[in-house]
Amino acid sequence: MPLIKVQTSAESPQKAEIESMLLNLSAKLAKHLGKPESYVMTAFEPGIPMTFAGNTDPVCYIEIKSIGTMKPEQTAAMSQDFCQQINQTLGVPKNRIYIEFADAKGAMWGWNGTTFG
């Protein structure tokens, strides 16, 4: 059930570039977490009014959620990897990207009419 959701004030690139970015993020998240990509979900929300450091320059907020416990070395590697990807794809500087990592309990995540717990 891993999820990666990207919210940004940057304008949306072309559809093909978005799809490529999401597929890339999906594969990378599955690899980082050691989980099947068949359970990974991605989401992208461009053009959201946002501020950071008192200005409206392009900024990005990323949520990464997964059932189980993400280890500090995993989150550090993911932060580096995903900041690089977003910087290259959307042009948002790495120092204007926040990432929230959240562990989820299986019983708190529903799918296919049941839960993972």
PDB file of N, CA and C in Angstrom:
ATOM      1  N   MET A   1       0.774  -1.204   0.000  1.00  0.00           N
ATOM      2  CA  MET A   1       0.000   0.000   0.000  1.00  0.00           C
ATOM      3  C   MET A   1       0.819   1.273   0.000  1.00  0.00           C
ATOM      4  N   PRO A   2       2.069   1.208  -0.332  1.00  0.00           N
ATOM      5  CA  PRO A   2       2.830   2.454  -0.315  1.00  0.00           C
ATOM      6  C   PRO A   2       2.177   3.519  -1.196  1.00  0.00           C
ATOM      7  N   LEU A   3       2.241   4.750  -0.705  1.00  0.00           N
ATOM      8  CA  LEU A   3       1.694   5.897  -1.424  1.00  0.00           C
ATOM      9  C   LEU A   3       2.751   6.977  -1.473  1.00  0.00           C
ATOM     10  N   ILE A   4       2.887   7.614  -2.640  1.00  0.00           N
ATOM     11  CA  ILE A   4       3.684   8.829  -2.754  1.00  0.00           C
ATOM     12  C   ILE A   4       2.810   9.872  -3.433  1.00  0.00           C
ATOM     13  N   LYS A   5       2.578  10.987  -2.718  1.00  0.00           N
ATOM     14  CA  LYS A   5       1.739  12.070  -3.243  1.00  0.00           C
ATOM     15  C   LYS A   5       2.583  13.334  -3.318  1.00  0.00           C
ATOM     16  N   VAL A   6       2.599  13.940  -4.490  1.00  0.00           N
ATOM     17  CA  VAL A   6       3.387  15.141  -4.748  1.00  0.00           C
ATOM     18  C   VAL A   6       2.439  16.311  -4.945  1.00  0.00           C
ATOM     19  N   GLN A   7       2.580  17.317  -4.089  1.00  0.00           N
ATOM     20  CA  GLN A   7       1.822  18.557  -4.226  1.00  0.00           C
ATOM     21  C   GLN A   7       2.823  19.678  -4.458  1.00  0.00           C
ATOM     22  N   THR A   8       2.541  20.516  -5.452  1.00  0.00           N
ATOM     23  CA  THR A   8       3.501  21.563  -5.788  1.00  0.00           C
ATOM     24  C   THR A   8       2.814  22.821  -6.289  1.00  0.00           C
ATOM     25  N   SER A   9       3.500  23.940  -6.093  1.00  0.00           N
ATOM     26  CA  SER A   9       3.009  25.200  -6.652  1.00  0.00           C
ATOM     27  C   SER A   9       3.500  25.368  -8.091  1.00  0.00           C
ATOM     28  N   ALA A  10       4.438  24.521  -8.505  1.00  0.00           N
ATOM     29  CA  ALA A  10       4.955  24.579  -9.879  1.00  0.00           C
ATOM     30  C   ALA A  10       3.854  24.207 -10.870  1.00  0.00           C
ATOM     31  N   GLU A  11       3.962  24.763 -12.043  1.00  0.00           N
ATOM     32  CA  GLU A  11       2.996  24.446 -13.090  1.00  0.00           C
ATOM     33  C   GLU A  11       3.214  23.014 -13.584  1.00  0.00           C
ATOM     34  N   SER A  12       2.170  22.440 -14.088  1.00  0.00           N
ATOM     35  CA  SER A  12       2.216  21.058 -14.549  1.00  0.00           C
ATOM     36  C   SER A  12       2.964  20.942 -15.873  1.00  0.00           C
ATOM     37  N   PRO A  13       3.875  19.984 -15.948  1.00  0.00           N
ATOM     38  CA  PRO A  13       4.501  19.714 -17.249  1.00  0.00           C
ATOM     39  C   PRO A  13       3.512  18.995 -18.167  1.00  0.00           C
ATOM     40  N   GLN A  14       3.945  18.630 -19.341  1.00  0.00           N
ATOM     41  CA  GLN A  14       3.094  17.917 -20.289  1.00  0.00           C
ATOM     42  C   GLN A  14       2.680  16.560 -19.713  1.00  0.00           C
ATOM     43  N   LYS A  15       1.540  16.043 -20.184  1.00  0.00           N
ATOM     44  CA  LYS A  15       0.979  14.795 -19.677  1.00  0.00           C
ATOM     45  C   LYS A  15       1.987  13.638 -19.730  1.00  0.00           C
ATOM     46  N   ALA A  16       2.706  13.509 -20.817  1.00  0.00           N
ATOM     47  CA  ALA A  16       3.672  12.414 -20.955  1.00  0.00           C
ATOM     48  C   ALA A  16       4.775  12.524 -19.911  1.00  0.00           C
ATOM     49  N   GLU A  17       5.202  13.748 -19.608  1.00  0.00           N
ATOM     50  CA  GLU A  17       6.248  13.963 -18.611  1.00  0.00           C
ATOM     51  C   GLU A  17       5.736  13.634 -17.202  1.00  0.00           C
ATOM     52  N   ILE A  18       4.467  13.964 -16.940  1.00  0.00           N
ATOM     53  CA  ILE A  18       3.856  13.631 -15.649  1.00  0.00           C
ATOM     54  C   ILE A  18       3.782  12.116 -15.491  1.00  0.00           C
ATOM     55  N   GLU A  19       3.279  11.443 -16.520  1.00  0.00           N
ATOM     56  CA  GLU A  19       3.153   9.986 -16.454  1.00  0.00           C
ATOM     57  C   GLU A  19       4.510   9.324 -16.256  1.00  0.00           C
ATOM     58  N   SER A  20       5.517   9.816 -16.942  1.00  0.00           N
ATOM     59  CA  SER A  20       6.865   9.275 -16.798  1.00  0.00           C
ATOM     60  C   SER A  20       7.373   9.474 -15.371  1.00  0.00           C
ATOM     61  N   MET A  21       7.156  10.673 -14.822  1.00  0.00           N
ATOM     62  CA  MET A  21       7.582  10.960 -13.456  1.00  0.00           C
ATOM     63  C   MET A  21       6.880  10.031 -12.463  1.00  0.00           C
ATOM     64  N   LEU A  22       5.558   9.873 -12.607  1.00  0.00           N
ATOM     65  CA  LEU A  22       4.804   9.031 -11.675  1.00  0.00           C
ATOM     66  C   LEU A  22       5.225   7.571 -11.764  1.00  0.00           C
ATOM     67  N   LEU A  23       5.449   7.076 -12.961  1.00  0.00           N
ATOM     68  CA  LEU A  23       5.904   5.693 -13.117  1.00  0.00           C
ATOM     69  C   LEU A  23       7.286   5.500 -12.505  1.00  0.00           C
ATOM     70  N   ASN A  24       8.145   6.502 -12.672  1.00  0.00           N
ATOM     71  CA  ASN A  24       9.479   6.453 -12.095  1.00  0.00           C
ATOM     72  C   ASN A  24       9.406   6.471 -10.568  1.00  0.00           C
ATOM     73  N   LEU A  25       8.579   7.359 -10.009  1.00  0.00           N
ATOM     74  CA  LEU A  25       8.414   7.423  -8.556  1.00  0.00           C
ATOM     75  C   LEU A  25       7.858   6.115  -8.011  1.00  0.00           C
ATOM     76  N   SER A  26       6.920   5.515  -8.725  1.00  0.00           N
ATOM     77  CA  SER A  26       6.308   4.257  -8.303  1.00  0.00           C
ATOM     78  C   SER A  26       7.360   3.145  -8.211  1.00  0.00           C
ATOM     79  N   ALA A  27       8.147   3.009  -9.252  1.00  0.00           N
ATOM     80  CA  ALA A  27       9.182   1.970  -9.274  1.00  0.00           C
ATOM     81  C   ALA A  27      10.225   2.207  -8.182  1.00  0.00           C
ATOM     82  N   LYS A  28      10.637   3.459  -8.016  1.00  0.00           N
ATOM     83  CA  LYS A  28      11.639   3.776  -6.998  1.00  0.00           C
ATOM     84  C   LYS A  28      11.105   3.514  -5.596  1.00  0.00           C
ATOM     85  N   LEU A  29       9.849   3.882  -5.332  1.00  0.00           N
ATOM     86  CA  LEU A  29       9.283   3.678  -3.998  1.00  0.00           C
ATOM     87  C   LEU A  29       9.206   2.193  -3.673  1.00  0.00           C
ATOM     88  N   ALA A  30       8.762   1.397  -4.628  1.00  0.00           N
ATOM     89  CA  ALA A  30       8.700  -0.052  -4.416  1.00  0.00           C
ATOM     90  C   ALA A  30      10.093  -0.607  -4.099  1.00  0.00           C
ATOM     91  N   LYS A  31      11.087  -0.154  -4.829  1.00  0.00           N
ATOM     92  CA  LYS A  31      12.453  -0.639  -4.612  1.00  0.00           C
ATOM     93  C   LYS A  31      12.978  -0.218  -3.245  1.00  0.00           C
ATOM     94  N   HIS A  32      12.792   1.051  -2.888  1.00  0.00           N
ATOM     95  CA  HIS A  32      13.263   1.542  -1.586  1.00  0.00           C
ATOM     96  C   HIS A  32      12.641   0.774  -0.422  1.00  0.00           C
ATOM     97  N   LEU A  33      11.357   0.453  -0.558  1.00  0.00           N
ATOM     98  CA  LEU A  33      10.636  -0.198   0.542  1.00  0.00           C
ATOM     99  C   LEU A  33      10.671  -1.718   0.463  1.00  0.00           C
ATOM    100  N   GLY A  34      11.114  -2.263  -0.673  1.00  0.00           N
ATOM    101  CA  GLY A  34      11.141  -3.711  -0.835  1.00  0.00           C
ATOM    102  C   GLY A  34       9.745  -4.309  -0.901  1.00  0.00           C
ATOM    103  N   LYS A  35       8.813  -3.557  -1.480  1.00  0.00           N
ATOM    104  CA  LYS A  35       7.423  -4.011  -1.588  1.00  0.00           C
ATOM    105  C   LYS A  35       7.048  -4.121  -3.063  1.00  0.00           C
ATOM    106  N   PRO A  36       6.056  -4.963  -3.379  1.00  0.00           N
ATOM    107  CA  PRO A  36       5.642  -5.109  -4.779  1.00  0.00           C
ATOM    108  C   PRO A  36       5.069  -3.797  -5.333  1.00  0.00           C
ATOM    109  N   GLU A  37       5.485  -3.455  -6.535  1.00  0.00           N
ATOM    110  CA  GLU A  37       4.965  -2.233  -7.153  1.00  0.00           C
ATOM    111  C   GLU A  37       3.465  -2.341  -7.410  1.00  0.00           C
ATOM    112  N   SER A  38       2.940  -3.551  -7.460  1.00  0.00           N
ATOM    113  CA  SER A  38       1.505  -3.729  -7.703  1.00  0.00           C
ATOM    114  C   SER A  38       0.649  -3.102  -6.609  1.00  0.00           C
ATOM    115  N   TYR A  39       1.231  -2.749  -5.464  1.00  0.00           N
ATOM    116  CA  TYR A  39       0.498  -2.098  -4.379  1.00  0.00           C
ATOM    117  C   TYR A  39       0.780  -0.602  -4.276  1.00  0.00           C
ATOM    118  N   VAL A  40       1.715  -0.082  -5.066  1.00  0.00           N
ATOM    119  CA  VAL A  40       2.122   1.319  -4.963  1.00  0.00           C
ATOM    120  C   VAL A  40       1.134   2.233  -5.691  1.00  0.00           C
ATOM    121  N   MET A  41       0.776   3.339  -5.021  1.00  0.00           N
ATOM    122  CA  MET A  41      -0.076   4.361  -5.634  1.00  0.00           C
ATOM    123  C   MET A  41       0.705   5.671  -5.678  1.00  0.00           C
ATOM    124  N   THR A  42       0.542   6.424  -6.768  1.00  0.00           N
ATOM    125  CA  THR A  42       1.154   7.736  -6.902  1.00  0.00           C
ATOM    126  C   THR A  42       0.066   8.767  -7.169  1.00  0.00           C
ATOM    127  N   ALA A  43       0.328  10.012  -6.774  1.00  0.00           N
ATOM    128  CA  ALA A  43      -0.605  11.107  -7.042  1.00  0.00           C
ATOM    129  C   ALA A  43       0.208  12.380  -7.282  1.00  0.00           C
ATOM    130  N   PHE A  44      -0.314  13.235  -8.147  1.00  0.00           N
ATOM    131  CA  PHE A  44       0.369  14.487  -8.479  1.00  0.00           C
ATOM    132  C   PHE A  44      -0.649  15.612  -8.543  1.00  0.00           C
ATOM    133  N   GLU A  45      -0.402  16.666  -7.770  1.00  0.00           N
ATOM    134  CA  GLU A  45      -1.280  17.834  -7.722  1.00  0.00           C
ATOM    135  C   GLU A  45      -0.448  19.089  -7.991  1.00  0.00           C
ATOM    136  N   PRO A  46      -0.451  19.591  -9.234  1.00  0.00           N
ATOM    137  CA  PRO A  46       0.325  20.781  -9.575  1.00  0.00           C
ATOM    138  C   PRO A  46      -0.486  22.070  -9.386  1.00  0.00           C
ATOM    139  N   GLY A  47       0.223  23.187  -9.441  1.00  0.00           N
ATOM    140  CA  GLY A  47      -0.426  24.491  -9.461  1.00  0.00           C
ATOM    141  C   GLY A  47      -1.175  24.858  -8.188  1.00  0.00           C
ATOM    142  N   ILE A  48      -0.777  24.311  -7.047  1.00  0.00           N
ATOM    143  CA  ILE A  48      -1.442  24.610  -5.778  1.00  0.00           C
ATOM    144  C   ILE A  48      -0.827  25.892  -5.201  1.00  0.00           C
ATOM    145  N   PRO A  49      -1.646  26.853  -4.797  1.00  0.00           N
ATOM    146  CA  PRO A  49      -1.080  28.041  -4.153  1.00  0.00           C
ATOM    147  C   PRO A  49      -0.382  27.637  -2.844  1.00  0.00           C
ATOM    148  N   MET A  50       0.910  27.921  -2.758  1.00  0.00           N
ATOM    149  CA  MET A  50       1.706  27.542  -1.597  1.00  0.00           C
ATOM    150  C   MET A  50       2.747  28.625  -1.324  1.00  0.00           C
ATOM    151  N   THR A  51       3.191  28.685  -0.069  1.00  0.00           N
ATOM    152  CA  THR A  51       4.322  29.540   0.276  1.00  0.00           C
ATOM    153  C   THR A  51       5.335  28.713   1.047  1.00  0.00           C
ATOM    154  N   PHE A  52       6.572  29.178   1.048  1.00  0.00           N
ATOM    155  CA  PHE A  52       7.630  28.578   1.848  1.00  0.00           C
ATOM    156  C   PHE A  52       8.661  29.668   2.082  1.00  0.00           C
ATOM    157  N   ALA A  53       9.146  29.792   3.301  1.00  0.00           N
ATOM    158  CA  ALA A  53      10.151  30.802   3.659  1.00  0.00           C
ATOM    159  C   ALA A  53       9.666  32.214   3.343  1.00  0.00           C
ATOM    160  N   GLY A  54       8.361  32.411   3.451  1.00  0.00           N
ATOM    161  CA  GLY A  54       7.803  33.748   3.274  1.00  0.00           C
ATOM    162  C   GLY A  54       7.684  34.225   1.841  1.00  0.00           C
ATOM    163  N   ASN A  55       7.771  33.300   0.874  1.00  0.00           N
ATOM    164  CA  ASN A  55       7.583  33.731  -0.515  1.00  0.00           C
ATOM    165  C   ASN A  55       6.850  32.659  -1.313  1.00  0.00           C
ATOM    166  N   THR A  56       6.482  33.009  -2.526  1.00  0.00           N
ATOM    167  CA  THR A  56       5.685  32.116  -3.378  1.00  0.00           C
ATOM    168  C   THR A  56       6.500  31.478  -4.502  1.00  0.00           C
ATOM    169  N   ASP A  57       7.818  31.466  -4.371  1.00  0.00           N
ATOM    170  CA  ASP A  57       8.635  30.752  -5.353  1.00  0.00           C
ATOM    171  C   ASP A  57       8.214  29.282  -5.376  1.00  0.00           C
ATOM    172  N   PRO A  58       8.471  28.567  -6.473  1.00  0.00           N
ATOM    173  CA  PRO A  58       8.047  27.168  -6.550  1.00  0.00           C
ATOM    174  C   PRO A  58       8.493  26.344  -5.342  1.00  0.00           C
ATOM    175  N   VAL A  59       7.564  25.535  -4.853  1.00  0.00           N
ATOM    176  CA  VAL A  59       7.774  24.722  -3.664  1.00  0.00           C
ATOM    177  C   VAL A  59       7.072  23.385  -3.873  1.00  0.00           C
ATOM    178  N   CYS A  60       7.466  22.381  -3.094  1.00  0.00           N
ATOM    179  CA  CYS A  60       6.875  21.059  -3.238  1.00  0.00           C
ATOM    180  C   CYS A  60       6.756  20.384  -1.871  1.00  0.00           C
ATOM    181  N   TYR A  61       5.634  19.704  -1.662  1.00  0.00           N
ATOM    182  CA  TYR A  61       5.405  18.906  -0.458  1.00  0.00           C
ATOM    183  C   TYR A  61       5.092  17.493  -0.918  1.00  0.00           C
ATOM    184  N   ILE A  62       5.810  16.522  -0.369  1.00  0.00           N
ATOM    185  CA  ILE A  62       5.638  15.121  -0.749  1.00  0.00           C
ATOM    186  C   ILE A  62       5.254  14.315   0.479  1.00  0.00           C
ATOM    187  N   GLU A  63       4.237  13.477   0.336  1.00  0.00           N
ATOM    188  CA  GLU A  63       3.854  12.546   1.391  1.00  0.00           C
ATOM    189  C   GLU A  63       4.226  11.142   0.949  1.00  0.00           C
ATOM    190  N   ILE A  64       4.879  10.409   1.827  1.00  0.00           N
ATOM    191  CA  ILE A  64       5.187   9.004   1.574  1.00  0.00           C
ATOM    192  C   ILE A  64       4.643   8.212   2.753  1.00  0.00           C
ATOM    193  N   LYS A  65       3.728   7.303   2.467  1.00  0.00           N
ATOM    194  CA  LYS A  65       3.112   6.475   3.498  1.00  0.00           C
ATOM    195  C   LYS A  65       3.298   5.015   3.139  1.00  0.00           C
ATOM    196  N   SER A  66       3.493   4.194   4.178  1.00  0.00           N
ATOM    197  CA  SER A  66       3.666   2.768   3.959  1.00  0.00           C
ATOM    198  C   SER A  66       3.309   2.011   5.224  1.00  0.00           C
ATOM    199  N   ILE A  67       2.749   0.823   5.047  1.00  0.00           N
ATOM    200  CA  ILE A  67       2.477  -0.044   6.191  1.00  0.00           C
ATOM    201  C   ILE A  67       3.800  -0.609   6.682  1.00  0.00           C
ATOM    202  N   GLY A  68       3.994  -0.541   7.978  1.00  0.00           N
ATOM    203  CA  GLY A  68       5.232  -1.024   8.564  1.00  0.00           C
ATOM    204  C   GLY A  68       6.098   0.131   8.997  1.00  0.00           C
ATOM    205  N   THR A  69       7.335  -0.165   9.289  1.00  0.00           N
ATOM    206  CA  THR A  69       8.254   0.852   9.796  1.00  0.00           C
ATOM    207  C   THR A  69       9.323   1.162   8.765  1.00  0.00           C
ATOM    208  N   MET A  70       9.431   2.438   8.428  1.00  0.00           N
ATOM    209  CA  MET A  70      10.515   2.876   7.556  1.00  0.00           C
ATOM    210  C   MET A  70      11.711   3.212   8.440  1.00  0.00           C
ATOM    211  N   LYS A  71      12.857   2.676   8.101  1.00  0.00           N
ATOM    212  CA  LYS A  71      14.076   2.900   8.873  1.00  0.00           C
ATOM    213  C   LYS A  71      14.725   4.223   8.461  1.00  0.00           C
ATOM    214  N   PRO A  72      15.476   4.849   9.375  1.00  0.00           N
ATOM    215  CA  PRO A  72      16.127   6.124   9.059  1.00  0.00           C
ATOM    216  C   PRO A  72      16.992   6.081   7.799  1.00  0.00           C
ATOM    217  N   GLU A  73      17.695   4.967   7.564  1.00  0.00           N
ATOM    218  CA  GLU A  73      18.523   4.903   6.357  1.00  0.00           C
ATOM    219  C   GLU A  73      17.655   4.846   5.094  1.00  0.00           C
ATOM    220  N   GLN A  74      16.454   4.267   5.205  1.00  0.00           N
ATOM    221  CA  GLN A  74      15.527   4.252   4.060  1.00  0.00           C
ATOM    222  C   GLN A  74      15.009   5.653   3.779  1.00  0.00           C
ATOM    223  N   THR A  75      14.578   6.359   4.818  1.00  0.00           N
ATOM    224  CA  THR A  75      14.020   7.696   4.599  1.00  0.00           C
ATOM    225  C   THR A  75      15.096   8.659   4.097  1.00  0.00           C
ATOM    226  N   ALA A  76      16.320   8.502   4.576  1.00  0.00           N
ATOM    227  CA  ALA A  76      17.407   9.354   4.087  1.00  0.00           C
ATOM    228  C   ALA A  76      17.665   9.114   2.599  1.00  0.00           C
ATOM    229  N   ALA A  77      17.689   7.844   2.202  1.00  0.00           N
ATOM    230  CA  ALA A  77      17.912   7.507   0.789  1.00  0.00           C
ATOM    231  C   ALA A  77      16.756   7.986  -0.078  1.00  0.00           C
ATOM    232  N   MET A  78      15.521   7.823   0.428  1.00  0.00           N
ATOM    233  CA  MET A  78      14.357   8.276  -0.341  1.00  0.00           C
ATOM    234  C   MET A  78      14.341   9.789  -0.469  1.00  0.00           C
ATOM    235  N   SER A  79      14.704  10.495   0.592  1.00  0.00           N
ATOM    236  CA  SER A  79      14.734  11.955   0.525  1.00  0.00           C
ATOM    237  C   SER A  79      15.686  12.420  -0.563  1.00  0.00           C
ATOM    238  N   GLN A  80      16.869  11.841  -0.591  1.00  0.00           N
ATOM    239  CA  GLN A  80      17.850  12.204  -1.615  1.00  0.00           C
ATOM    240  C   GLN A  80      17.329  11.884  -3.018  1.00  0.00           C
ATOM    241  N   ASP A  81      16.817  10.683  -3.190  1.00  0.00           N
ATOM    242  CA  ASP A  81      16.350  10.212  -4.492  1.00  0.00           C
ATOM    243  C   ASP A  81      15.167  11.033  -5.010  1.00  0.00           C
ATOM    244  N   PHE A  82      14.147  11.220  -4.155  1.00  0.00           N
ATOM    245  CA  PHE A  82      12.936  11.899  -4.609  1.00  0.00           C
ATOM    246  C   PHE A  82      13.133  13.408  -4.769  1.00  0.00           C
ATOM    247  N   CYS A  83      13.967  14.015  -3.937  1.00  0.00           N
ATOM    248  CA  CYS A  83      14.274  15.441  -4.128  1.00  0.00           C
ATOM    249  C   CYS A  83      14.970  15.653  -5.470  1.00  0.00           C
ATOM    250  N   GLN A  84      15.893  14.758  -5.801  1.00  0.00           N
ATOM    251  CA  GLN A  84      16.593  14.840  -7.087  1.00  0.00           C
ATOM    252  C   GLN A  84      15.604  14.708  -8.251  1.00  0.00           C
ATOM    253  N   GLN A  85      14.697  13.729  -8.156  1.00  0.00           N
ATOM    254  CA  GLN A  85      13.716  13.497  -9.219  1.00  0.00           C
ATOM    255  C   GLN A  85      12.805  14.715  -9.418  1.00  0.00           C
ATOM    256  N   ILE A  86      12.294  15.264  -8.334  1.00  0.00           N
ATOM    257  CA  ILE A  86      11.383  16.418  -8.420  1.00  0.00           C
ATOM    258  C   ILE A  86      12.130  17.641  -8.930  1.00  0.00           C
ATOM    259  N   ASN A  87      13.354  17.827  -8.491  1.00  0.00           N
ATOM    260  CA  ASN A  87      14.158  18.941  -8.977  1.00  0.00           C
ATOM    261  C   ASN A  87      14.355  18.846 -10.485  1.00  0.00           C
ATOM    262  N   GLN A  88      14.695  17.661 -10.971  1.00  0.00           N
ATOM    263  CA  GLN A  88      14.930  17.473 -12.402  1.00  0.00           C
ATOM    264  C   GLN A  88      13.651  17.613 -13.216  1.00  0.00           C
ATOM    265  N   THR A  89      12.549  17.072 -12.712  1.00  0.00           N
ATOM    266  CA  THR A  89      11.308  17.064 -13.486  1.00  0.00           C
ATOM    267  C   THR A  89      10.556  18.385 -13.410  1.00  0.00           C
ATOM    268  N   LEU A  90      10.457  18.957 -12.211  1.00  0.00           N
ATOM    269  CA  LEU A  90       9.630  20.150 -12.018  1.00  0.00           C
ATOM    270  C   LEU A  90      10.433  21.432 -11.851  1.00  0.00           C
ATOM    271  N   GLY A  91      11.747  21.299 -11.632  1.00  0.00           N
ATOM    272  CA  GLY A  91      12.585  22.483 -11.456  1.00  0.00           C
ATOM    273  C   GLY A  91      12.485  23.115 -10.075  1.00  0.00           C
ATOM    274  N   VAL A  92      11.865  22.431  -9.122  1.00  0.00           N
ATOM    275  CA  VAL A  92      11.778  22.960  -7.765  1.00  0.00           C
ATOM    276  C   VAL A  92      13.117  22.705  -7.064  1.00  0.00           C
ATOM    277  N   PRO A  93      13.738  23.763  -6.518  1.00  0.00           N
ATOM    278  CA  PRO A  93      15.012  23.562  -5.826  1.00  0.00           C
ATOM    279  C   PRO A  93      14.864  22.576  -4.662  1.00  0.00           C
ATOM    280  N   LYS A  94      15.894  21.777  -4.437  1.00  0.00           N
ATOM    281  CA  LYS A  94      15.831  20.762  -3.381  1.00  0.00           C
ATOM    282  C   LYS A  94      15.567  21.364  -2.006  1.00  0.00           C
ATOM    283  N   ASN A  95      16.078  22.589  -1.775  1.00  0.00           N
ATOM    284  CA  ASN A  95      15.874  23.211  -0.473  1.00  0.00           C
ATOM    285  C   ASN A  95      14.478  23.818  -0.311  1.00  0.00           C
ATOM    286  N   ARG A  96      13.603  23.583  -1.300  1.00  0.00           N
ATOM    287  CA  ARG A  96      12.200  24.027  -1.215  1.00  0.00           C
ATOM    288  C   ARG A  96      11.266  22.813  -1.325  1.00  0.00           C
ATOM    289  N   ILE A  97      11.771  21.658  -0.957  1.00  0.00           N
ATOM    290  CA  ILE A  97      10.988  20.417  -0.983  1.00  0.00           C
ATOM    291  C   ILE A  97      10.962  19.835   0.425  1.00  0.00           C
ATOM    292  N   TYR A  98       9.768  19.652   0.947  1.00  0.00           N
ATOM    293  CA  TYR A  98       9.577  18.942   2.209  1.00  0.00           C
ATOM    294  C   TYR A  98       9.010  17.567   1.895  1.00  0.00           C
ATOM    295  N   ILE A  99       9.459  16.566   2.649  1.00  0.00           N
ATOM    296  CA  ILE A  99       8.919  15.216   2.508  1.00  0.00           C
ATOM    297  C   ILE A  99       8.470  14.739   3.883  1.00  0.00           C
ATOM    298  N   GLU A 100       7.240  14.285   3.967  1.00  0.00           N
ATOM    299  CA  GLU A 100       6.728  13.690   5.199  1.00  0.00           C
ATOM    300  C   GLU A 100       6.655  12.182   5.014  1.00  0.00           C
ATOM    301  N   PHE A 101       7.339  11.448   5.882  1.00  0.00           N
ATOM    302  CA  PHE A 101       7.300   9.991   5.868  1.00  0.00           C
ATOM    303  C   PHE A 101       6.372   9.547   6.994  1.00  0.00           C
ATOM    304  N   ALA A 102       5.420   8.682   6.686  1.00  0.00           N
ATOM    305  CA  ALA A 102       4.470   8.227   7.703  1.00  0.00           C
ATOM    306  C   ALA A 102       4.300   6.712   7.632  1.00  0.00           C
ATOM    307  N   ASP A 103       4.542   6.059   8.768  1.00  0.00           N
ATOM    308  CA  ASP A 103       4.281   4.632   8.897  1.00  0.00           C
ATOM    309  C   ASP A 103       2.803   4.445   9.212  1.00  0.00           C
ATOM    310  N   ALA A 104       2.193   3.461   8.608  1.00  0.00           N
ATOM    311  CA  ALA A 104       0.771   3.183   8.842  1.00  0.00           C
ATOM    312  C   ALA A 104       0.603   1.784   9.416  1.00  0.00           C
ATOM    313  N   LYS A 105      -0.347   1.626  10.293  1.00  0.00           N
ATOM    314  CA  LYS A 105      -0.708   0.296  10.788  1.00  0.00           C
ATOM    315  C   LYS A 105      -1.607  -0.355   9.752  1.00  0.00           C
ATOM    316  N   GLY A 106      -1.439  -1.646   9.539  1.00  0.00           N
ATOM    317  CA  GLY A 106      -2.225  -2.361   8.534  1.00  0.00           C
ATOM    318  C   GLY A 106      -3.723  -2.223   8.715  1.00  0.00           C
ATOM    319  N   ALA A 107      -4.187  -2.219   9.941  1.00  0.00           N
ATOM    320  CA  ALA A 107      -5.625  -2.111  10.205  1.00  0.00           C
ATOM    321  C   ALA A 107      -6.170  -0.721   9.903  1.00  0.00           C
ATOM    322  N   MET A 108      -5.285   0.246   9.704  1.00  0.00           N
ATOM    323  CA  MET A 108      -5.702   1.620   9.433  1.00  0.00           C
ATOM    324  C   MET A 108      -5.650   1.965   7.948  1.00  0.00           C
ATOM    325  N   TRP A 109      -5.463   0.945   7.094  1.00  0.00           N
ATOM    326  CA  TRP A 109      -5.384   1.183   5.650  1.00  0.00           C
ATOM    327  C   TRP A 109      -6.284   0.166   4.958  1.00  0.00           C
ATOM    328  N   GLY A 110      -7.320   0.656   4.291  1.00  0.00           N
ATOM    329  CA  GLY A 110      -8.270  -0.208   3.624  1.00  0.00           C
ATOM    330  C   GLY A 110      -7.958  -0.415   2.146  1.00  0.00           C
ATOM    331  N   TRP A 111      -8.367  -1.571   1.640  1.00  0.00           N
ATOM    332  CA  TRP A 111      -8.190  -1.895   0.213  1.00  0.00           C
ATOM    333  C   TRP A 111      -9.058  -3.087  -0.121  1.00  0.00           C
ATOM    334  N   ASN A 112      -9.722  -3.030  -1.244  1.00  0.00           N
ATOM    335  CA  ASN A 112     -10.477  -4.170  -1.780  1.00  0.00           C
ATOM    336  C   ASN A 112     -11.532  -4.695  -0.802  1.00  0.00           C
ATOM    337  N   GLY A 113     -12.155  -3.780  -0.077  1.00  0.00           N
ATOM    338  CA  GLY A 113     -13.226  -4.128   0.836  1.00  0.00           C
ATOM    339  C   GLY A 113     -12.771  -4.690   2.160  1.00  0.00           C
ATOM    340  N   THR A 114     -11.461  -4.618   2.457  1.00  0.00           N
ATOM    341  CA  THR A 114     -10.923  -5.110   3.721  1.00  0.00           C
ATOM    342  C   THR A 114      -9.800  -4.182   4.158  1.00  0.00           C
ATOM    343  N   THR A 115      -8.976  -4.595   5.100  1.00  0.00           N
ATOM    344  CA  THR A 115      -7.810  -3.822   5.497  1.00  0.00           C
ATOM    345  C   THR A 115      -6.585  -4.721   5.415  1.00  0.00           C
ATOM    346  N   PHE A 116      -5.412  -4.115   5.581  1.00  0.00           N
ATOM    347  CA  PHE A 116      -4.168  -4.871   5.559  1.00  0.00           C
ATOM    348  C   PHE A 116      -3.800  -5.427   6.932  1.00  0.00           C
ATOM    349  N   GLY A 117      -4.654  -5.176   7.945  1.00  0.00           N
ATOM    350  CA  GLY A 117      -4.325  -5.617   9.304  1.00  0.00           C
ATOM    351  C   GLY A 117      -5.151  -6.748   9.807  1.00  0.00           C
TER     352      GLY A 117
END
